[in-house]
Amino acid sequence: MNTPNKLTVVRMIMVPFFVLFMLTDFAGAAGKWISLLLFVAASFTDYLDGHLARKYNLVTDFGKFMDPLADKLLVCSALICLVEMDRLAAWIVIIIIGREFIISGFRLVAADNGVVIAASYWGKFKTVSQMIMIILMIMNLGGIFDILETVFVWLALILTVVSLVDYLYKNRNVLSMQS
């Protein structure tokens, strides 16, 4: 197993620990900061594994499948924790997770037809905005940060919808393959 794939597996292993520290008093007041550290570290592995895979030509079928799954697991877990903590509205999380299911389904249909669909810049912007939103919401610093949280919640939501529309439009031919 190459380094990018190991990083993907490490990211997946980090998720239950992240959830543990987010939703329990296991570490007391430090739990919030431990969960923040875990989320930031896991998010960084997302960047790093992709960078290493492309730079050193270490792209594998395992990585193509598991990397997006690990990303979704991390982000969706964080969003669900934030709903549980009453920090984020469920309808927002439903839209974000719904988009992920739609895109994953689309990718499966495309792969079944031998088509590989690359990630777009809209999707990358969406991911970065979601990660910043989650980081701000975990920190929960109040004051001016409440405004930043709100801005990033709306930015993440808008980019989620825009990236979905862009993705569906650019890959509309995938649907015609199923006729």
Protein backbone atom coordinates (compact mmCIF):
# COMPACT_ATOMS: atom_id res chain seq x y z
CA MET A 1 0.00 0.00 0.00
CA ASN A 2 1.50 3.33 -1.04
CA THR A 3 1.76 6.47 1.11
CA PRO A 4 -1.29 8.29 -0.31
CA ASN A 5 -3.45 5.22 0.35
CA LYS A 6 -2.05 4.91 3.88
CA LEU A 7 -2.99 8.55 4.49
CA THR A 8 -6.53 7.82 3.29
CA VAL A 9 -6.79 4.88 5.71
CA VAL A 10 -5.40 7.02 8.56
CA ARG A 11 -8.05 9.67 7.80
CA MET A 12 -10.78 7.05 8.06
CA ILE A 13 -9.36 5.75 11.35
CA MET A 14 -9.33 9.30 12.74
CA VAL A 15 -13.07 9.78 12.21
CA PRO A 16 -14.36 7.73 15.18
CA PHE A 17 -11.88 9.47 17.49
CA PHE A 18 -12.98 12.84 16.14
CA VAL A 19 -16.62 11.94 16.85
CA LEU A 20 -15.74 10.66 20.32
CA PHE A 21 -14.13 13.96 21.30
CA MET A 22 -16.84 16.04 19.60
CA LEU A 23 -19.81 14.39 21.28
CA THR A 24 -18.58 13.26 24.68
CA ASP A 25 -16.97 14.75 27.76
CA PHE A 26 -14.28 12.07 27.53
CA ALA A 27 -11.52 14.72 27.66
CA GLY A 28 -13.49 17.45 29.42
CA ALA A 29 -13.03 20.97 28.08
CA ALA A 30 -10.02 19.84 26.03
CA GLY A 31 -12.30 17.60 23.93
CA LYS A 32 -13.30 20.47 21.67
CA TRP A 33 -9.67 21.29 20.91
CA ILE A 34 -8.71 17.64 20.44
CA SER A 35 -11.58 17.19 17.99
CA LEU A 36 -10.48 20.36 16.20
CA LEU A 37 -6.92 19.07 15.95
CA LEU A 38 -8.14 15.71 14.64
CA PHE A 39 -10.39 17.38 12.06
CA VAL A 40 -7.62 19.71 10.83
CA ALA A 41 -5.10 16.85 10.68
CA ALA A 42 -7.56 14.63 8.81
CA SER A 43 -8.41 17.47 6.42
CA PHE A 44 -4.72 17.99 5.76
CA THR A 45 -4.30 14.30 4.89
CA ASP A 46 -7.00 14.84 2.26
CA TYR A 47 -4.85 17.49 0.59
CA LEU A 48 -1.61 15.59 1.13
CA ASP A 49 -2.69 12.20 -0.22
CA GLY A 50 -4.01 13.74 -3.43
CA HIS A 51 -0.91 15.88 -3.86
CA LEU A 52 1.44 12.93 -3.36
CA ALA A 53 -0.58 10.63 -5.59
CA ARG A 54 -0.52 13.10 -8.48
CA LYS A 55 3.06 14.32 -8.01
CA TYR A 56 4.61 10.85 -7.80
CA ASN A 57 2.16 9.08 -10.08
CA LEU A 58 0.82 6.93 -7.23
CA VAL A 59 -2.82 7.04 -8.28
CA THR A 60 -4.50 3.66 -7.63
CA ASP A 61 -7.99 2.21 -7.99
CA PHE A 62 -8.08 1.92 -4.19
CA GLY A 63 -7.30 5.63 -3.86
CA LYS A 64 -9.83 6.64 -6.51
CA PHE A 65 -12.55 4.84 -4.57
CA MET A 66 -11.49 5.25 -0.94
CA ASP A 67 -10.23 8.85 -0.95
CA PRO A 68 -13.62 10.41 -1.79
CA LEU A 69 -15.29 7.98 0.63
CA ALA A 70 -12.90 8.99 3.43
CA ASP A 71 -13.56 12.68 2.69
CA LYS A 72 -17.32 12.18 2.82
CA LEU A 73 -17.03 10.16 6.03
CA LEU A 74 -15.02 12.93 7.70
CA VAL A 75 -17.17 15.86 6.56
CA CYS A 76 -20.53 14.11 7.03
CA SER A 77 -19.52 12.93 10.51
CA ALA A 78 -18.56 16.48 11.46
CA LEU A 79 -21.80 17.92 10.07
CA ILE A 80 -23.92 15.35 11.89
CA CYS A 81 -22.03 16.07 15.13
CA LEU A 82 -22.75 19.78 14.67
CA VAL A 83 -26.47 19.01 14.25
CA GLU A 84 -26.38 16.85 17.38
CA MET A 85 -24.73 19.74 19.24
CA ASP A 86 -27.44 22.11 17.93
CA ARG A 87 -24.80 24.19 16.15
CA LEU A 88 -26.05 23.63 12.60
CA ALA A 89 -29.52 23.26 11.12
CA ALA A 90 -30.39 19.76 9.93
CA TRP A 91 -31.82 21.02 6.61
CA ILE A 92 -28.41 22.44 5.68
CA VAL A 93 -26.74 19.12 6.44
CA ILE A 94 -29.41 17.26 4.45
CA ILE A 95 -28.66 19.41 1.38
CA ILE A 96 -24.90 18.91 1.75
CA ILE A 97 -25.14 15.14 2.31
CA GLY A 98 -27.79 14.83 -0.40
CA ARG A 99 -25.38 16.39 -2.88
CA GLU A 100 -22.74 13.86 -1.91
CA PHE A 101 -25.12 10.94 -2.48
CA ILE A 102 -26.15 12.32 -5.88
CA ILE A 103 -22.54 12.82 -6.99
CA SER A 104 -21.51 9.39 -5.69
CA GLY A 105 -24.38 7.78 -7.57
CA PHE A 106 -23.45 9.67 -10.71
CA ARG A 107 -19.83 8.53 -10.38
CA LEU A 108 -20.92 4.92 -10.01
CA VAL A 109 -23.07 5.10 -13.14
CA ALA A 110 -20.23 6.77 -15.03
CA ALA A 111 -17.68 4.20 -13.81
CA ASP A 112 -20.02 1.42 -14.83
CA ASN A 113 -19.85 2.88 -18.34
CA GLY A 114 -16.07 3.25 -18.29
CA VAL A 115 -16.19 7.02 -17.76
CA VAL A 116 -14.01 8.69 -15.13
CA ILE A 117 -15.37 12.00 -13.91
CA ALA A 118 -12.74 14.38 -12.59
CA ALA A 119 -13.39 16.72 -9.68
CA SER A 120 -14.09 20.31 -10.69
CA TYR A 121 -12.86 23.52 -9.17
CA TRP A 122 -16.39 24.17 -7.88
CA GLY A 123 -16.19 20.91 -5.96
CA LYS A 124 -12.80 21.84 -4.55
CA PHE A 125 -14.09 25.29 -3.48
CA LYS A 126 -17.09 23.58 -1.91
CA THR A 127 -14.86 21.23 0.07
CA VAL A 128 -12.58 24.00 1.32
CA SER A 129 -15.54 26.18 2.35
CA GLN A 130 -17.13 23.25 4.20
CA MET A 131 -13.91 22.49 6.03
CA ILE A 132 -13.42 26.12 7.07
CA MET A 133 -17.07 26.26 8.18
CA ILE A 134 -16.62 23.12 10.27
CA ILE A 135 -13.39 24.39 11.83
CA LEU A 136 -15.05 27.69 12.79
CA MET A 137 -18.06 25.89 14.21
CA ILE A 138 -15.92 23.51 16.26
CA MET A 139 -13.92 26.44 17.66
CA ASN A 140 -17.17 28.21 18.59
CA LEU A 141 -15.36 31.38 19.64
CA GLY A 142 -18.34 33.75 19.52
CA GLY A 143 -18.19 37.45 18.73
CA ILE A 144 -16.97 38.28 15.22
CA PHE A 145 -16.46 34.56 14.63
CA ASP A 146 -20.25 34.09 14.75
CA ILE A 147 -20.46 36.29 11.66
CA LEU A 148 -17.67 34.33 9.97
CA GLU A 149 -19.45 31.07 10.80
CA THR A 150 -22.67 32.37 9.25
CA VAL A 151 -20.83 33.57 6.15
CA PHE A 152 -19.13 30.19 5.71
CA VAL A 153 -22.34 28.25 6.35
CA TRP A 154 -24.04 30.16 3.52
CA LEU A 155 -20.94 30.02 1.31
CA ALA A 156 -20.64 26.24 1.81
CA LEU A 157 -24.35 25.80 1.11
CA ILE A 158 -24.26 27.92 -2.05
CA LEU A 159 -21.10 26.21 -3.32
CA THR A 160 -22.65 22.82 -2.57
CA VAL A 161 -25.61 23.63 -4.82
CA VAL A 162 -23.50 25.37 -7.51
CA SER A 163 -21.03 22.48 -7.65
CA LEU A 164 -23.91 19.99 -7.93
CA VAL A 165 -25.53 21.90 -10.80
CA ASP A 166 -22.15 22.32 -12.53
CA TYR A 167 -21.37 18.62 -12.07
CA LEU A 168 -24.73 17.46 -13.39
CA TYR A 169 -24.62 19.82 -16.36
CA LYS A 170 -21.05 18.94 -17.37
CA ASN A 171 -21.79 15.23 -17.08
CA ARG A 172 -25.36 15.13 -18.39
CA ASN A 173 -24.22 12.62 -21.02
CA VAL A 174 -23.87 10.03 -18.21
CA LEU A 175 -27.65 9.97 -17.86
CA SER A 176 -28.13 9.34 -21.57
CA MET A 177 -25.90 6.26 -21.26
CA GLN A 178 -28.63 4.63 -19.18
CA SER A 179 -31.34 4.83 -21.83
